[in-house]
Amino acid sequence: MRSSMIIPICMSLFATPFAVSGCGGDDDACGPTKGEITEVTDGDTIKVTTEDEETITVRLLLTDTPETTKGKEECYGQKAKALTKSFLFKRVKLSYESGDSCTDMYGRYLAYVTPAGESQSINEQLVAGGFARVCRIGCDESKYDEFADLEAAAQESELGLWNTETCPDGYNLASWGASGCNRKCK
């Protein structure tokens, strides 16, 4: 009896740092739904001050921009960050995947972020404009095909990071953290 209790406890201790907290079936269940962008960390990570005056970190779902933090300076990263910065101090709506992960292993909310008065999310604008690639972070499946189509169109049109004149070394998936993207849900 004692050994059967040890295994689940050990498994939960080892799984905790990598766990992604789950969400209820309702968009509002994950976290705040309205706020204002108050800081841009890089192209795909922002800080939002909510209506309750709480500042939260948000990682844009299905979006991965070239790195500009931790000493990295990947091609087109500053342009992606500049696009995201153009939304600073704008009111936004946060929406989440139903039944998906609310936060990642760093405690960042995983959301689609749409500026007030606009129909296209910042996530979509980054991918469609060639500022980002599609990246599954959680189990964000419902809009995956739509985002994959936006990425394919940006590649076909050689927009942004998909243009070899802009990024002479081309899009190098191996050097751009490929292992962190497109993880399948269990």
Protein backbone atom coordinates (compact mmCIF):
# COMPACT_ATOMS: atom_id res chain seq x y z
CA MET A 1 0.00 0.00 0.00
CA ARG A 2 2.75 2.42 0.93
CA SER A 3 4.65 1.93 -2.38
CA SER A 4 1.50 2.51 -4.43
CA MET A 5 1.17 5.97 -2.84
CA ILE A 6 4.80 6.96 -3.51
CA ILE A 7 4.66 6.66 -7.29
CA PRO A 8 1.75 9.10 -7.84
CA ILE A 9 3.28 11.61 -5.41
CA CYS A 10 6.68 11.44 -7.13
CA MET A 11 5.11 11.71 -10.56
CA SER A 12 3.16 14.80 -9.55
CA LEU A 13 6.29 16.40 -8.06
CA PHE A 14 8.25 15.85 -11.26
CA ALA A 15 5.39 16.89 -13.52
CA THR A 16 4.62 20.14 -11.71
CA PRO A 17 7.35 22.36 -13.23
CA PHE A 18 6.22 21.38 -16.72
CA ALA A 19 2.50 21.45 -16.08
CA VAL A 20 0.19 23.79 -17.89
CA SER A 21 -2.87 24.70 -15.88
CA GLY A 22 -6.16 23.70 -17.42
CA CYS A 23 -9.16 25.78 -18.24
CA GLY A 24 -12.86 25.33 -17.91
CA GLY A 25 -15.05 25.14 -20.99
CA ASP A 26 -15.88 28.84 -20.95
CA ASP A 27 -13.64 31.56 -22.45
CA ASP A 28 -14.02 33.77 -19.35
CA ALA A 29 -12.92 30.96 -17.02
CA CYS A 30 -9.25 31.26 -17.93
CA GLY A 31 -8.58 34.79 -16.88
CA PRO A 32 -9.25 38.47 -17.43
CA THR A 33 -10.95 39.35 -20.71
CA LYS A 34 -10.22 43.08 -20.98
CA GLY A 35 -7.31 45.36 -20.30
CA GLU A 36 -4.67 47.66 -21.71
CA ILE A 37 -1.25 46.70 -23.07
CA THR A 38 1.29 48.40 -20.81
CA GLU A 39 4.55 46.70 -21.81
CA VAL A 40 5.97 44.65 -24.66
CA THR A 41 8.60 42.08 -23.69
CA ASP A 42 9.09 40.87 -27.25
CA GLY A 43 6.91 40.28 -30.29
CA ASP A 44 4.83 37.51 -28.73
CA THR A 45 4.83 38.38 -25.01
CA ILE A 46 3.15 41.42 -23.46
CA LYS A 47 2.02 42.80 -20.13
CA VAL A 48 -1.61 43.80 -19.78
CA THR A 49 -3.14 45.82 -16.97
CA THR A 50 -6.61 44.41 -16.43
CA GLU A 51 -9.78 46.26 -15.47
CA ASP A 52 -9.03 45.20 -11.88
CA GLU A 53 -5.66 47.04 -12.07
CA GLU A 54 -3.75 43.74 -11.99
CA THR A 55 -0.78 43.44 -14.35
CA ILE A 56 -0.54 40.06 -16.03
CA THR A 57 1.89 38.60 -18.55
CA VAL A 58 0.31 37.27 -21.74
CA ARG A 59 1.89 34.93 -24.29
CA LEU A 60 0.17 35.19 -27.67
CA LEU A 61 -1.39 31.87 -28.70
CA LEU A 62 -0.34 30.23 -31.99
CA THR A 63 2.35 32.88 -32.49
CA ASP A 64 6.13 32.72 -32.27
CA THR A 65 8.23 35.74 -33.19
CA PRO A 66 12.02 35.79 -33.52
CA GLU A 67 13.72 36.36 -30.16
CA THR A 68 14.88 39.76 -28.94
CA THR A 69 15.48 38.88 -25.29
CA LYS A 70 18.09 37.02 -23.23
CA GLY A 71 20.92 38.23 -25.45
CA LYS A 72 19.35 36.86 -28.64
CA GLU A 73 18.79 39.04 -31.67
CA GLU A 74 17.16 36.91 -34.35
CA CYS A 75 16.35 38.21 -37.82
CA TYR A 76 13.14 40.25 -37.93
CA GLY A 77 12.75 40.09 -34.15
CA GLN A 78 12.94 43.87 -33.66
CA LYS A 79 10.39 44.44 -36.44
CA ALA A 80 8.00 41.96 -34.80
CA LYS A 81 8.50 43.66 -31.45
CA ALA A 82 7.87 47.06 -33.08
CA LEU A 83 4.56 45.86 -34.54
CA THR A 84 3.46 44.60 -31.14
CA LYS A 85 4.65 47.87 -29.54
CA SER A 86 2.35 49.80 -31.89
CA PHE A 87 -0.49 48.53 -29.69
CA LEU A 88 0.98 49.91 -26.44
CA PHE A 89 -1.58 51.65 -24.24
CA LYS A 90 -4.45 50.38 -26.37
CA ARG A 91 -7.47 48.63 -24.91
CA VAL A 92 -7.62 44.96 -25.79
CA LYS A 93 -9.86 41.94 -25.50
CA LEU A 94 -8.26 38.69 -24.32
CA SER A 95 -9.78 35.42 -25.46
CA TYR A 96 -8.75 31.91 -24.64
CA GLU A 97 -9.10 28.45 -26.13
CA SER A 98 -12.06 26.64 -24.60
CA GLY A 99 -10.90 23.66 -22.60
CA ASP A 100 -7.26 24.52 -23.23
CA SER A 101 -4.43 25.73 -21.08
CA CYS A 102 -4.89 29.01 -19.25
CA THR A 103 -1.22 29.53 -18.48
CA ASP A 104 2.10 28.10 -19.53
CA MET A 105 4.87 26.74 -17.31
CA TYR A 106 6.08 30.32 -16.70
CA GLY A 107 2.67 31.47 -15.42
CA ARG A 108 1.91 33.56 -18.52
CA TYR A 109 -1.70 33.66 -19.69
CA LEU A 110 -2.12 32.07 -23.14
CA ALA A 111 -4.49 34.23 -25.16
CA TYR A 112 -5.54 35.79 -28.42
CA VAL A 113 -5.28 39.57 -28.01
CA THR A 114 -7.54 41.77 -30.11
CA PRO A 115 -7.29 45.57 -29.99
CA ALA A 116 -10.57 47.35 -29.28
CA GLY A 117 -12.39 48.20 -32.50
CA GLU A 118 -10.41 45.73 -34.62
CA SER A 119 -11.52 42.35 -35.93
CA GLN A 120 -8.08 40.77 -36.34
CA SER A 121 -6.05 39.78 -33.28
CA ILE A 122 -2.45 40.87 -32.82
CA ASN A 123 -1.63 37.16 -33.08
CA GLU A 124 -3.16 37.00 -36.58
CA GLN A 125 -1.54 40.26 -37.68
CA LEU A 126 1.93 39.01 -36.71
CA VAL A 127 1.56 35.73 -38.61
CA ALA A 128 -0.19 37.24 -41.66
CA GLY A 129 2.44 39.96 -42.01
CA GLY A 130 5.41 37.58 -41.86
CA PHE A 131 6.47 38.76 -38.40
CA ALA A 132 5.93 35.33 -36.80
CA ARG A 133 5.48 31.66 -37.45
CA VAL A 134 2.65 29.50 -36.18
CA CYS A 135 3.46 27.79 -32.91
CA ARG A 136 1.31 25.49 -30.78
CA ILE A 137 2.00 26.33 -27.16
CA GLY A 138 -0.85 24.53 -25.46
CA CYS A 139 -3.61 22.57 -27.08
CA ASP A 140 -4.69 25.52 -29.17
CA GLU A 141 -6.33 23.60 -31.98
CA SER A 142 -9.47 25.50 -32.97
CA LYS A 143 -7.71 28.25 -34.95
CA TYR A 144 -4.63 26.27 -36.00
CA ASP A 145 -5.69 25.73 -39.63
CA GLU A 146 -6.61 29.40 -40.01
CA PHE A 147 -3.21 30.45 -38.68
CA ALA A 148 -1.41 27.86 -40.85
CA ASP A 149 -3.14 29.38 -43.90
CA LEU A 150 -2.03 32.89 -42.85
CA GLU A 151 1.55 31.65 -42.50
CA ALA A 152 1.45 29.88 -45.87
CA ALA A 153 0.21 33.07 -47.55
CA ALA A 154 2.99 35.12 -45.90
CA GLN A 155 5.57 32.56 -47.05
CA GLU A 156 4.15 32.52 -50.59
CA SER A 157 4.30 36.32 -50.72
CA GLU A 158 7.77 36.30 -49.10
CA LEU A 159 6.66 38.73 -46.41
CA GLY A 160 8.87 39.73 -43.50
CA LEU A 161 11.03 36.96 -42.15
CA TRP A 162 10.05 34.75 -45.10
CA ASN A 163 11.88 37.09 -47.51
CA THR A 164 15.47 35.98 -48.13
CA GLU A 165 16.50 39.57 -48.86
CA THR A 166 15.18 40.61 -45.43
CA CYS A 167 16.62 37.60 -43.64
CA PRO A 168 19.57 36.54 -45.87
CA ASP A 169 20.11 33.26 -44.07
CA GLY A 170 16.48 32.40 -44.69
CA TYR A 171 14.14 30.97 -42.16
CA ASN A 172 16.23 28.58 -40.11
CA LEU A 173 13.86 26.49 -38.03
CA ALA A 174 16.72 24.62 -36.36
CA SER A 175 18.24 27.79 -34.95
CA TRP A 176 14.89 29.29 -34.03
CA GLY A 177 13.83 27.02 -31.16
CA ALA A 178 11.92 24.47 -33.20
CA SER A 179 11.59 22.08 -30.27
CA GLY A 180 9.26 24.42 -28.38
CA CYS A 181 6.64 24.64 -31.11
CA ASN A 182 3.91 22.45 -32.46
CA ARG A 183 3.68 20.14 -29.52
CA LYS A 184 0.72 17.82 -29.75
CA CYS A 185 -1.78 17.57 -26.93
CA LYS A 186 -2.10 14.37 -24.99
